[in-house]
Amino acid sequence: MTADITKCALSSAPAAILTYHHGAVDVDARVTRGRFERLIDNLLADTDALITDVLVRATVSSADIVEVVTTGGSSAIPAFRALLARRFPSARVRDAAAFTSVAAGLAMPGVEEAALAR
């Protein structure tokens, strides 16, 4: 499995095989969800800090948030979901096309440019 496929697999399985073959590098390694979560721990801490910053700047508390909408493949990572549950205990967490919405959003400038060119 490539790194991205492995990340997705670890969202629902306790372990997955990471496969990477490029040039002289050949890797086939078993990765556990716990190991993966330790690898992304700094990213989760950064995300937690960003949430705090956004709440402070918006002058709202976590209790004021009634719904959190997630998107992107990383939003399915259990440790990320746990972070959201801890930060927004009374909010409903809703998925919005986790694997296609980011690509659709990236395509929007092209769509808008094409519409303006008409």
C-alpha atoms as a PDB file:
ATOM      1  CA  MET A   1       0.000   0.000   0.000  1.00  0.00           C
ATOM      2  CA  THR A   2       1.194   3.501  -0.692  1.00  0.00           C
ATOM      3  CA  ALA A   3       1.416   5.952   2.194  1.00  0.00           C
ATOM      4  CA  ASP A   4      -1.981   7.473   1.421  1.00  0.00           C
ATOM      5  CA  ILE A   5      -3.681   4.096   1.086  1.00  0.00           C
ATOM      6  CA  THR A   6      -2.019   2.962   4.319  1.00  0.00           C
ATOM      7  CA  LYS A   7      -3.297   6.100   6.099  1.00  0.00           C
ATOM      8  CA  CYS A   8      -6.832   5.347   4.905  1.00  0.00           C
ATOM      9  CA  ALA A   9      -6.558   1.691   5.925  1.00  0.00           C
ATOM     10  CA  LEU A  10      -5.429   2.679   9.420  1.00  0.00           C
ATOM     11  CA  SER A  11      -8.638   4.699   9.829  1.00  0.00           C
ATOM     12  CA  SER A  12     -10.547   1.431  10.131  1.00  0.00           C
ATOM     13  CA  ALA A  13      -7.916  -1.227  10.883  1.00  0.00           C
ATOM     14  CA  PRO A  14      -5.435  -1.603  13.754  1.00  0.00           C
ATOM     15  CA  ALA A  15      -2.529  -2.205  11.318  1.00  0.00           C
ATOM     16  CA  ALA A  16      -1.680  -2.040   7.614  1.00  0.00           C
ATOM     17  CA  ILE A  17       1.236  -2.771   5.322  1.00  0.00           C
ATOM     18  CA  LEU A  18       3.066   0.245   3.914  1.00  0.00           C
ATOM     19  CA  THR A  19       4.592  -0.516   0.526  1.00  0.00           C
ATOM     20  CA  TYR A  20       6.987   1.884  -1.152  1.00  0.00           C
ATOM     21  CA  HIS A  21       9.171   0.967  -4.120  1.00  0.00           C
ATOM     22  CA  HIS A  22      11.019   3.746  -5.902  1.00  0.00           C
ATOM     23  CA  GLY A  23      14.500   3.574  -7.361  1.00  0.00           C
ATOM     24  CA  ALA A  24      16.798   1.782  -4.937  1.00  0.00           C
ATOM     25  CA  VAL A  25      14.332   2.116  -2.068  1.00  0.00           C
ATOM     26  CA  ASP A  26      12.162  -0.914  -1.328  1.00  0.00           C
ATOM     27  CA  VAL A  27       9.982  -0.782   1.773  1.00  0.00           C
ATOM     28  CA  ASP A  28       7.342  -3.223   2.922  1.00  0.00           C
ATOM     29  CA  ALA A  29       6.568  -2.468   6.547  1.00  0.00           C
ATOM     30  CA  ARG A  30       3.747  -3.201   8.950  1.00  0.00           C
ATOM     31  CA  VAL A  31       2.479   0.022  10.507  1.00  0.00           C
ATOM     32  CA  THR A  32       0.169  -0.023  13.508  1.00  0.00           C
ATOM     33  CA  ARG A  33      -2.392   2.670  14.172  1.00  0.00           C
ATOM     34  CA  GLY A  34      -0.573   3.499  17.414  1.00  0.00           C
ATOM     35  CA  ARG A  35       2.725   4.031  15.586  1.00  0.00           C
ATOM     36  CA  PHE A  36       0.982   6.148  12.950  1.00  0.00           C
ATOM     37  CA  GLU A  37      -0.646   8.274  15.646  1.00  0.00           C
ATOM     38  CA  ARG A  38       2.742   8.830  17.299  1.00  0.00           C
ATOM     39  CA  LEU A  39       4.114   9.919  13.910  1.00  0.00           C
ATOM     40  CA  ILE A  40       1.338  12.492  13.443  1.00  0.00           C
ATOM     41  CA  ASP A  41       1.228  13.620  17.070  1.00  0.00           C
ATOM     42  CA  ASN A  42       2.900  16.965  16.268  1.00  0.00           C
ATOM     43  CA  LEU A  43       0.375  17.601  13.480  1.00  0.00           C
ATOM     44  CA  LEU A  44      -2.484  16.894  15.875  1.00  0.00           C
ATOM     45  CA  ALA A  45      -0.962  19.267  18.441  1.00  0.00           C
ATOM     46  CA  ASP A  46      -0.668  21.942  15.725  1.00  0.00           C
ATOM     47  CA  THR A  47      -4.300  21.355  14.774  1.00  0.00           C
ATOM     48  CA  ASP A  48      -5.351  21.657  18.402  1.00  0.00           C
ATOM     49  CA  ALA A  49      -3.473  24.972  18.662  1.00  0.00           C
ATOM     50  CA  LEU A  50      -5.110  26.233  15.465  1.00  0.00           C
ATOM     51  CA  ILE A  51      -8.551  25.379  16.830  1.00  0.00           C
ATOM     52  CA  THR A  52      -7.748  27.356  19.983  1.00  0.00           C
ATOM     53  CA  ASP A  53      -6.558  30.306  17.904  1.00  0.00           C
ATOM     54  CA  VAL A  54      -9.673  30.303  15.718  1.00  0.00           C
ATOM     55  CA  LEU A  55     -11.986  30.137  18.734  1.00  0.00           C
ATOM     56  CA  VAL A  56     -10.137  32.999  20.445  1.00  0.00           C
ATOM     57  CA  ARG A  57     -10.166  35.170  17.325  1.00  0.00           C
ATOM     58  CA  ALA A  58     -13.854  34.465  16.756  1.00  0.00           C
ATOM     59  CA  THR A  59     -14.583  35.140  20.446  1.00  0.00           C
ATOM     60  CA  VAL A  60     -16.552  31.931  20.807  1.00  0.00           C
ATOM     61  CA  SER A  61     -16.113  28.936  23.051  1.00  0.00           C
ATOM     62  CA  SER A  62     -16.184  25.274  22.116  1.00  0.00           C
ATOM     63  CA  ALA A  63     -19.598  25.065  23.772  1.00  0.00           C
ATOM     64  CA  ASP A  64     -20.934  27.571  21.215  1.00  0.00           C
ATOM     65  CA  ILE A  65     -20.165  25.199  18.324  1.00  0.00           C
ATOM     66  CA  VAL A  66     -23.131  22.980  17.450  1.00  0.00           C
ATOM     67  CA  GLU A  67     -21.783  21.313  14.299  1.00  0.00           C
ATOM     68  CA  VAL A  68     -18.340  20.542  12.912  1.00  0.00           C
ATOM     69  CA  VAL A  69     -18.128  19.628   9.224  1.00  0.00           C
ATOM     70  CA  THR A  70     -15.075  17.630   8.205  1.00  0.00           C
ATOM     71  CA  THR A  71     -13.624  17.027   4.769  1.00  0.00           C
ATOM     72  CA  GLY A  72     -10.558  15.405   3.289  1.00  0.00           C
ATOM     73  CA  GLY A  73      -9.176  11.919   3.823  1.00  0.00           C
ATOM     74  CA  SER A  74      -7.285  12.878   6.969  1.00  0.00           C
ATOM     75  CA  SER A  75     -10.556  13.807   8.655  1.00  0.00           C
ATOM     76  CA  ALA A  76     -11.278  10.071   8.978  1.00  0.00           C
ATOM     77  CA  ILE A  77      -8.176   9.440  11.121  1.00  0.00           C
ATOM     78  CA  PRO A  78      -9.461   8.208  14.506  1.00  0.00           C
ATOM     79  CA  ALA A  79      -6.991  10.389  16.468  1.00  0.00           C
ATOM     80  CA  PHE A  80      -8.244  13.463  14.597  1.00  0.00           C
ATOM     81  CA  ARG A  81     -11.849  12.460  15.275  1.00  0.00           C
ATOM     82  CA  ALA A  82     -10.975  12.052  18.963  1.00  0.00           C
ATOM     83  CA  LEU A  83      -9.427  15.533  18.964  1.00  0.00           C
ATOM     84  CA  LEU A  84     -12.652  16.996  17.566  1.00  0.00           C
ATOM     85  CA  ALA A  85     -14.751  15.076  20.094  1.00  0.00           C
ATOM     86  CA  ARG A  86     -12.571  16.346  22.941  1.00  0.00           C
ATOM     87  CA  ARG A  87     -12.602  19.958  21.733  1.00  0.00           C
ATOM     88  CA  PHE A  88     -16.295  20.040  20.774  1.00  0.00           C
ATOM     89  CA  PRO A  89     -18.018  17.553  23.110  1.00  0.00           C
ATOM     90  CA  SER A  90     -21.558  18.793  22.442  1.00  0.00           C
ATOM     91  CA  ALA A  91     -21.190  19.372  18.689  1.00  0.00           C
ATOM     92  CA  ARG A  92     -22.369  17.062  15.962  1.00  0.00           C
ATOM     93  CA  VAL A  93     -19.455  16.005  13.734  1.00  0.00           C
ATOM     94  CA  ARG A  94     -20.554  15.544  10.133  1.00  0.00           C
ATOM     95  CA  ASP A  95     -18.558  14.289   7.139  1.00  0.00           C
ATOM     96  CA  ALA A  96     -18.782  16.124   3.825  1.00  0.00           C
ATOM     97  CA  ALA A  97     -17.578  13.894   0.985  1.00  0.00           C
ATOM     98  CA  ALA A  98     -14.253  13.147   2.690  1.00  0.00           C
ATOM     99  CA  PHE A  99     -12.425  11.898  -0.379  1.00  0.00           C
ATOM    100  CA  THR A 100     -13.851  14.125  -3.128  1.00  0.00           C
ATOM    101  CA  SER A 101     -14.650  17.534  -1.663  1.00  0.00           C
ATOM    102  CA  VAL A 102     -11.050  18.742  -1.556  1.00  0.00           C
ATOM    103  CA  ALA A 103     -10.561  17.916  -5.240  1.00  0.00           C
ATOM    104  CA  ALA A 104     -13.877  19.578  -6.091  1.00  0.00           C
ATOM    105  CA  GLY A 105     -12.829  22.689  -4.181  1.00  0.00           C
ATOM    106  CA  LEU A 106      -9.508  22.805  -5.987  1.00  0.00           C
ATOM    107  CA  ALA A 107     -11.340  22.599  -9.313  1.00  0.00           C
ATOM    108  CA  MET A 108     -13.587  25.581  -8.552  1.00  0.00           C
ATOM    109  CA  PRO A 109     -11.156  28.329  -9.678  1.00  0.00           C
ATOM    110  CA  GLY A 110     -10.950  26.650 -13.093  1.00  0.00           C
ATOM    111  CA  VAL A 111     -14.718  26.406 -13.309  1.00  0.00           C
ATOM    112  CA  GLU A 112     -15.113  30.058 -12.363  1.00  0.00           C
ATOM    113  CA  GLU A 113     -12.432  31.127 -14.844  1.00  0.00           C
ATOM    114  CA  ALA A 114     -14.122  29.170 -17.640  1.00  0.00           C
ATOM    115  CA  ALA A 115     -17.475  30.761 -16.792  1.00  0.00           C
ATOM    116  CA  LEU A 116     -15.946  34.252 -16.896  1.00  0.00           C
ATOM    117  CA  ALA A 117     -14.288  33.536 -20.253  1.00  0.00           C
ATOM    118  CA  ARG A 118     -17.648  32.856 -21.902  1.00  0.00           C
END
